[in-house]
Structures are given as structure tokens and as C-alpha cells.
Amino acid sequence: MKIKEKEFENILQDLKQIAHTIGARVRFEIGDFKGGYCIIKESKIIVINKLSPLQKKVLILTSALKELGIEELYLPPKLREIIDELGETQ
């Protein structure tokens, strides 16, 4: 699937909403790290490097959501396809 550059911002917003739905917080921080899913004091947190390119942010968030388990969650078919395809590239 080919994703247009301008679509990545909308995809990122959709992925952040999914994270919120499953009880995970998404934080954008500056530092020397790639990012990913972690648990801090029993809170699910997905940390993404604020300086990463938009496409990388989407890849990290996609991978973290797959790790958290969103198989049973209803997602629009196009978004499900994006998550499945991008999650495999991580």
C-alpha cells in the first residue's frame, strides 16, 4: 500500500486515538532513543521521539499498538490494513 505524504498526519492522529481507546498514553519527548511501548507505574505509555520524521512516528506507534494487542478492537478496514502492513516493517 502506498501512503501519500499528506496522509501521515491523519494516520498519526487516528493511531493516537486508538492508543487512548485502549488506555495507553502517547508521549512525544526529545532524547536519544527510538521510542516504543513501556509500562511506568502500571500505566501503558508509548514514547515517541519528538524529533523523528512523521513516517517514523507512525511506524513506532503502529508497532507499539500491535504489541499492546489491538486484534480484537474494531478498526476501519483501511486503518487496519495500514497497521498490519506498517507493523511488519518494524
N, C-alpha and C. Protein backbone atom coordinates (compact mmCIF):
# COMPACT_ATOMS: atom_id res chain seq x y z
N MET A 1 0.85 -1.17 0.00
CA MET A 1 0.00 0.00 0.00
C MET A 1 0.89 1.24 0.00
N LYS A 2 0.57 2.15 -0.86
CA LYS A 2 1.32 3.40 -0.96
C LYS A 2 0.55 4.47 -0.18
N ILE A 3 1.23 5.09 0.77
CA ILE A 3 0.60 6.13 1.58
C ILE A 3 1.18 7.47 1.15
N LYS A 4 0.30 8.40 0.87
CA LYS A 4 0.74 9.73 0.46
C LYS A 4 1.28 10.48 1.67
N GLU A 5 2.25 11.33 1.40
CA GLU A 5 2.93 12.09 2.46
C GLU A 5 1.93 12.85 3.34
N LYS A 6 0.94 13.47 2.72
CA LYS A 6 0.00 14.29 3.48
C LYS A 6 -0.97 13.46 4.34
N GLU A 7 -1.05 12.15 4.08
CA GLU A 7 -1.94 11.28 4.85
C GLU A 7 -1.35 10.89 6.20
N PHE A 8 -0.03 10.98 6.34
CA PHE A 8 0.62 10.52 7.56
C PHE A 8 0.15 11.26 8.81
N GLU A 9 -0.13 12.55 8.71
CA GLU A 9 -0.59 13.31 9.89
C GLU A 9 -1.95 12.79 10.36
N ASN A 10 -2.86 12.52 9.42
CA ASN A 10 -4.17 11.98 9.79
C ASN A 10 -4.04 10.58 10.38
N ILE A 11 -3.16 9.78 9.80
CA ILE A 11 -2.94 8.43 10.32
C ILE A 11 -2.40 8.51 11.74
N LEU A 12 -1.45 9.41 11.98
CA LEU A 12 -0.88 9.57 13.32
C LEU A 12 -1.98 9.94 14.33
N GLN A 13 -2.86 10.84 13.94
CA GLN A 13 -3.95 11.23 14.84
C GLN A 13 -4.89 10.05 15.11
N ASP A 14 -5.20 9.27 14.08
CA ASP A 14 -6.05 8.08 14.25
C ASP A 14 -5.39 7.07 15.18
N LEU A 15 -4.09 6.87 15.02
CA LEU A 15 -3.37 5.92 15.87
C LEU A 15 -3.33 6.39 17.32
N LYS A 16 -3.16 7.69 17.53
CA LYS A 16 -3.18 8.24 18.88
C LYS A 16 -4.55 8.01 19.53
N GLN A 17 -5.61 8.13 18.75
CA GLN A 17 -6.96 7.89 19.27
C GLN A 17 -7.14 6.42 19.65
N ILE A 18 -6.60 5.53 18.85
CA ILE A 18 -6.67 4.09 19.17
C ILE A 18 -5.94 3.83 20.48
N ALA A 19 -4.76 4.41 20.63
CA ALA A 19 -4.00 4.24 21.87
C ALA A 19 -4.82 4.71 23.06
N HIS A 20 -5.46 5.86 22.93
CA HIS A 20 -6.30 6.39 24.01
C HIS A 20 -7.45 5.42 24.32
N THR A 21 -8.03 4.85 23.28
CA THR A 21 -9.15 3.92 23.45
C THR A 21 -8.75 2.69 24.27
N ILE A 22 -7.53 2.22 24.09
CA ILE A 22 -7.10 1.02 24.82
C ILE A 22 -6.37 1.37 26.12
N GLY A 23 -6.40 2.64 26.50
CA GLY A 23 -5.85 3.04 27.79
C GLY A 23 -4.36 3.32 27.81
N ALA A 24 -3.78 3.62 26.65
CA ALA A 24 -2.35 3.94 26.59
C ALA A 24 -2.17 5.42 26.31
N ARG A 25 -1.17 6.01 26.96
CA ARG A 25 -0.83 7.40 26.70
C ARG A 25 0.28 7.47 25.67
N VAL A 26 0.20 8.42 24.78
CA VAL A 26 1.25 8.64 23.79
C VAL A 26 1.96 9.93 24.17
N ARG A 27 3.29 9.82 24.33
CA ARG A 27 4.09 10.99 24.69
C ARG A 27 5.16 11.21 23.64
N PHE A 28 5.35 12.45 23.27
CA PHE A 28 6.40 12.84 22.34
C PHE A 28 7.47 13.57 23.15
N GLU A 29 8.65 12.97 23.21
CA GLU A 29 9.75 13.51 24.02
C GLU A 29 11.00 13.67 23.15
N ILE A 30 11.89 14.52 23.60
CA ILE A 30 13.16 14.70 22.92
C ILE A 30 14.23 13.90 23.65
N GLY A 31 15.03 13.16 22.90
CA GLY A 31 16.09 12.37 23.51
C GLY A 31 16.78 11.50 22.48
N ASP A 32 17.72 10.73 22.95
CA ASP A 32 18.48 9.83 22.10
C ASP A 32 17.89 8.42 22.21
N PHE A 33 16.73 8.21 21.61
CA PHE A 33 16.05 6.93 21.66
C PHE A 33 15.14 6.80 20.44
N LYS A 34 14.77 5.57 20.13
CA LYS A 34 13.86 5.33 19.01
C LYS A 34 12.41 5.54 19.44
N GLY A 35 12.06 4.95 20.58
CA GLY A 35 10.69 5.03 21.06
C GLY A 35 10.05 3.66 21.09
N GLY A 36 8.90 3.59 21.71
CA GLY A 36 8.17 2.34 21.79
C GLY A 36 7.27 2.30 23.00
N TYR A 37 6.81 1.10 23.32
CA TYR A 37 5.84 0.87 24.39
C TYR A 37 6.55 0.50 25.67
N CYS A 38 6.08 1.06 26.79
CA CYS A 38 6.61 0.68 28.10
C CYS A 38 5.52 0.83 29.15
N ILE A 39 5.79 0.31 30.33
CA ILE A 39 4.86 0.44 31.46
C ILE A 39 5.59 1.20 32.56
N ILE A 40 4.98 2.27 33.02
CA ILE A 40 5.54 3.06 34.11
C ILE A 40 4.46 3.16 35.20
N LYS A 41 4.78 2.60 36.35
CA LYS A 41 3.82 2.58 37.47
C LYS A 41 2.43 2.13 37.02
N GLU A 42 2.40 1.01 36.33
CA GLU A 42 1.18 0.36 35.86
C GLU A 42 0.45 1.13 34.77
N SER A 43 1.03 2.20 34.25
CA SER A 43 0.43 2.96 33.15
C SER A 43 1.06 2.54 31.83
N LYS A 44 0.23 2.32 30.83
CA LYS A 44 0.73 1.99 29.50
C LYS A 44 1.13 3.30 28.82
N ILE A 45 2.38 3.38 28.41
CA ILE A 45 2.87 4.60 27.79
C ILE A 45 3.62 4.25 26.51
N ILE A 46 3.34 4.99 25.47
CA ILE A 46 4.07 4.86 24.22
C ILE A 46 4.86 6.16 24.06
N VAL A 47 6.18 6.02 24.05
CA VAL A 47 7.04 7.19 23.95
C VAL A 47 7.62 7.24 22.54
N ILE A 48 7.51 8.40 21.93
CA ILE A 48 7.99 8.59 20.56
C ILE A 48 8.92 9.80 20.55
N ASN A 49 10.04 9.65 19.87
CA ASN A 49 10.99 10.75 19.77
C ASN A 49 10.36 11.89 18.97
N LYS A 50 10.25 13.03 19.60
CA LYS A 50 9.62 14.20 19.00
C LYS A 50 10.35 14.66 17.73
N LEU A 51 11.65 14.38 17.65
CA LEU A 51 12.45 14.83 16.52
C LEU A 51 12.43 13.86 15.33
N SER A 52 11.78 12.73 15.51
CA SER A 52 11.70 11.75 14.42
C SER A 52 10.82 12.28 13.29
N PRO A 53 11.10 11.86 12.06
CA PRO A 53 10.22 12.23 10.95
C PRO A 53 8.83 11.65 11.17
N LEU A 54 7.85 12.27 10.56
CA LEU A 54 6.45 11.87 10.72
C LEU A 54 6.24 10.38 10.41
N GLN A 55 6.84 9.89 9.32
CA GLN A 55 6.67 8.49 8.95
C GLN A 55 7.22 7.56 10.04
N LYS A 56 8.33 7.93 10.64
CA LYS A 56 8.93 7.11 11.71
C LYS A 56 8.03 7.11 12.94
N LYS A 57 7.41 8.24 13.24
CA LYS A 57 6.48 8.31 14.37
C LYS A 57 5.31 7.35 14.15
N VAL A 58 4.80 7.33 12.93
CA VAL A 58 3.70 6.43 12.60
C VAL A 58 4.15 4.97 12.72
N LEU A 59 5.34 4.65 12.25
CA LEU A 59 5.86 3.28 12.35
C LEU A 59 6.01 2.84 13.81
N ILE A 60 6.55 3.70 14.64
CA ILE A 60 6.74 3.37 16.05
C ILE A 60 5.40 3.17 16.75
N LEU A 61 4.47 4.07 16.49
CA LEU A 61 3.15 3.97 17.13
C LEU A 61 2.42 2.72 16.64
N THR A 62 2.52 2.42 15.37
CA THR A 62 1.91 1.21 14.82
C THR A 62 2.46 -0.04 15.49
N SER A 63 3.77 -0.10 15.60
CA SER A 63 4.42 -1.26 16.22
C SER A 63 4.00 -1.40 17.69
N ALA A 64 3.96 -0.28 18.40
CA ALA A 64 3.57 -0.32 19.82
C ALA A 64 2.12 -0.78 19.98
N LEU A 65 1.24 -0.31 19.13
CA LEU A 65 -0.17 -0.73 19.21
C LEU A 65 -0.31 -2.22 18.94
N LYS A 66 0.44 -2.73 17.99
CA LYS A 66 0.39 -4.17 17.73
C LYS A 66 0.89 -4.95 18.94
N GLU A 67 1.92 -4.43 19.59
CA GLU A 67 2.47 -5.08 20.78
C GLU A 67 1.45 -5.06 21.92
N LEU A 68 0.68 -3.99 22.02
CA LEU A 68 -0.34 -3.88 23.06
C LEU A 68 -1.53 -4.80 22.79
N GLY A 69 -1.72 -5.19 21.54
CA GLY A 69 -2.80 -6.11 21.20
C GLY A 69 -4.07 -5.39 20.82
N ILE A 70 -4.23 -5.14 19.55
CA ILE A 70 -5.45 -4.47 19.06
C ILE A 70 -6.24 -5.36 18.11
N GLU A 71 -5.93 -6.66 18.12
CA GLU A 71 -6.58 -7.58 17.20
C GLU A 71 -8.09 -7.62 17.39
N GLU A 72 -8.54 -7.54 18.62
CA GLU A 72 -9.98 -7.65 18.91
C GLU A 72 -10.73 -6.32 18.77
N LEU A 73 -10.00 -5.24 18.60
CA LEU A 73 -10.59 -3.90 18.50
C LEU A 73 -11.07 -3.65 17.08
N TYR A 74 -12.28 -3.10 16.96
CA TYR A 74 -12.75 -2.76 15.61
C TYR A 74 -12.00 -1.53 15.11
N LEU A 75 -11.48 -1.64 13.90
CA LEU A 75 -10.82 -0.52 13.23
C LEU A 75 -11.35 -0.45 11.81
N PRO A 76 -11.45 0.75 11.27
CA PRO A 76 -11.84 0.84 9.86
C PRO A 76 -10.87 0.02 9.00
N PRO A 77 -11.39 -0.66 7.97
CA PRO A 77 -10.54 -1.55 7.17
C PRO A 77 -9.25 -0.91 6.64
N LYS A 78 -9.32 0.33 6.19
CA LYS A 78 -8.11 0.98 5.66
C LYS A 78 -7.07 1.16 6.76
N LEU A 79 -7.51 1.56 7.95
CA LEU A 79 -6.57 1.75 9.06
C LEU A 79 -6.01 0.40 9.51
N ARG A 80 -6.83 -0.62 9.53
CA ARG A 80 -6.36 -1.97 9.89
C ARG A 80 -5.27 -2.43 8.91
N GLU A 81 -5.50 -2.18 7.63
CA GLU A 81 -4.52 -2.56 6.61
C GLU A 81 -3.20 -1.80 6.80
N ILE A 82 -3.29 -0.53 7.10
CA ILE A 82 -2.10 0.28 7.34
C ILE A 82 -1.33 -0.26 8.54
N ILE A 83 -2.03 -0.55 9.62
CA ILE A 83 -1.38 -1.07 10.84
C ILE A 83 -0.72 -2.42 10.55
N ASP A 84 -1.43 -3.29 9.86
CA ASP A 84 -0.86 -4.61 9.55
C ASP A 84 0.39 -4.49 8.69
N GLU A 85 0.34 -3.65 7.68
CA GLU A 85 1.49 -3.53 6.77
C GLU A 85 2.66 -2.81 7.43
N LEU A 86 2.40 -1.69 8.09
CA LEU A 86 3.49 -0.93 8.71
C LEU A 86 4.06 -1.65 9.92
N GLY A 87 3.23 -2.37 10.64
CA GLY A 87 3.70 -3.10 11.80
C GLY A 87 4.69 -4.20 11.45
N GLU A 88 4.60 -4.71 10.24
CA GLU A 88 5.51 -5.77 9.79
C GLU A 88 6.89 -5.21 9.45
N THR A 89 6.99 -3.92 9.15
CA THR A 89 8.28 -3.34 8.74
C THR A 89 9.16 -3.01 9.92
N GLN A 90 8.64 -3.03 11.14
CA GLN A 90 9.44 -2.69 12.33
C GLN A 90 10.24 -3.84 12.78
